[in-house]
Structures are given as structure tokens and as C-alpha cells.
């Protein structure tokens, strides 16, 4: 009898009996109107379809499982299975991730979607493996522009000296110092009141956040500088991922890849909606002149060169240039 059960067990293992279905908890730090939530929903639908229900995703939006930093650390150490989290937070672990937010490097939304699946982007994302995380895909939260409390900036000189909120990270301070504004690192939750009280003159921000955070209520105008994107990663705890079956892992990777282009292009469509909404509210939306773009490119060239000391960044910048010239 003992030999019979041993043989039966061996036979089951050899024929690859399916593992039990798995449910993964995915948390993010933004409201449901934000593109990062759209990423989470698209991924959930894709992986549950591809795996035929073998992998299920429970989404916890709006900081239910923690803020940006807490979610990153949660996935890193295994207290959270998955997150959609900003590249900015991850650059503190791997500086090469700054490549995705270097100014003027990524040529528009279609260029972003192409670069997100490039070998050069994957080489950067794979650096997170040693930090206990697997980066499954690169997505976008919206191209960034320049919102002013006063008259919209139509020239490089008009931007000079403006007290401008930037995220509290070295890259952004470096970029905006090179641009000649007065960069002011500030937590996101403080921006509206700072604009309202004229503590700030301007903020660099994506259009979707102007809408969701009601920054249009305190805006004098928006200049469509499109200086860099606001990318996010879909991350999973490495130990949790490694413990899944090969079929479950394949379904997760396939789903993550499948939703990149539609998610990125959906943000581009949403931008057009926000532009129309701003116009209806009589908020000037300015298309920059070629002279303004040239001045921005010239100002930030030294920043790009400085960060390209990293070979991974250098390779990504070169690939972005190749995509831009296609």
C-alpha cells in the first residue's frame, strides 16, 4: 500500500497536476480616476482572462495598503504582493531608473509605448530583481506640462525665476535649475494651497492631475511643454512570483505586456479631453513655439549628459534618439 501511494504521488507530480488558483493583492496610492488605476484594472482583466481564472487580482486603490513609499517597501519585503508605483520612488533604489524621466528624451506617447518594451528599458527594469521585486511592465501617468498661476509662459524668459513646485528628488531639482526657474521641492498634497495662496508661481504637472486635483481652479494658464513623462512600474514581490507555477508566471508576464500600449495611448486620449475641459473653463492652453522648445532642449542638454554617465541610461537615451528619428 505504501508503495502504491508513493507511485501515485510520483505520477501526479510527473504529469504536472495544476496548482491551486492564486489571488494576488495589488495596491496603489492614487484615486480611481488616475491612469495608474487604469493600469491596474487593465492588468487584472487581462491576467484573469489569459489564466482562465487561475490568477486573480484584488485591487486596493487610494492608499488602502499604504502610500507610494510604503507600497514600494511592502512589495520589496513581501507584505504586499503587487503595486503600480511611480518610477520616481524606485530611482532611490536604482538610479538608472532616472532614464525614464530625463527631459525631452522620450518622443511622445507612441514613442513611450515603443520604448517601454525595448531591450534597453528591460535592462533597467531588471535591476530591481536584486531588491526583491520583479518589474513586469512600464506604464504612464501622463506627460508633464507647465502650469502658472499668472499669465501662461509663452517664452523661456517668462519661465525664468518662477517659484515652481517640483517633486522632492534630485533629478527634478537638477532639471529645473537648468531651466532657470526657482525649483521648490514640495509634497504633492501641499501644492493646491500653495498655488492658491501664491506661495508658488507654477507647478510642472500632468494634465490628468490638473483635472483630478482641480488645479484648474487656481491656474492662469498651461504651457504644453511636455518636458518628460510620469512613468510607473507594475511590480510583484520576487519571492511570491518565483513561488507561482510556470503557467501562472507566463500569464502574468503576458498580461503585463499586452496592456502597455493600450494603457499609454488611453492617457494620450485623456490628455485631449482635459485640454478641451480647460478651454471650456477659459484656461489658456499654450502650444509652445519652436523657439521655446529649442531653448528648453539647450538648457537641459547638460542634465541628460550628466545622468548618461550610467551605461544603462546612456543605452536608453540612444535608443530613444533612434525611436525619435523613425
Foldseek 3Di string as FASTA:
>chain_A
DVVVVVVVVVVCVVVPDDDAADEFEEEAADDCLFLQVVLVVLLQVQLCVLLVNSYHYDYHYNQPVHYQLSRVVCQLVVVHFKYWHWLQNVCVVPVLSCLQFQWPQQDDLVSCLVLFPDPLVLVSQVVCVVSQKHFLTKAFRAQKWKWFLAADDQALVVQAAFAEEDAPDPLRCVLVVLSRYNYDHDDPVCPQVCLVVVVGGMYIGGLSCCVVVVSLVRTQAIEGLSTGTTMITIMGGNVVLVPHDPSSNVSSSVSRSVCRSVSSVVNVVVSVVSVVVSVVVVHYYHYHDPNRNVSSCVSSVVSLVVSVVPVSSVVSSVVSVVSNVD
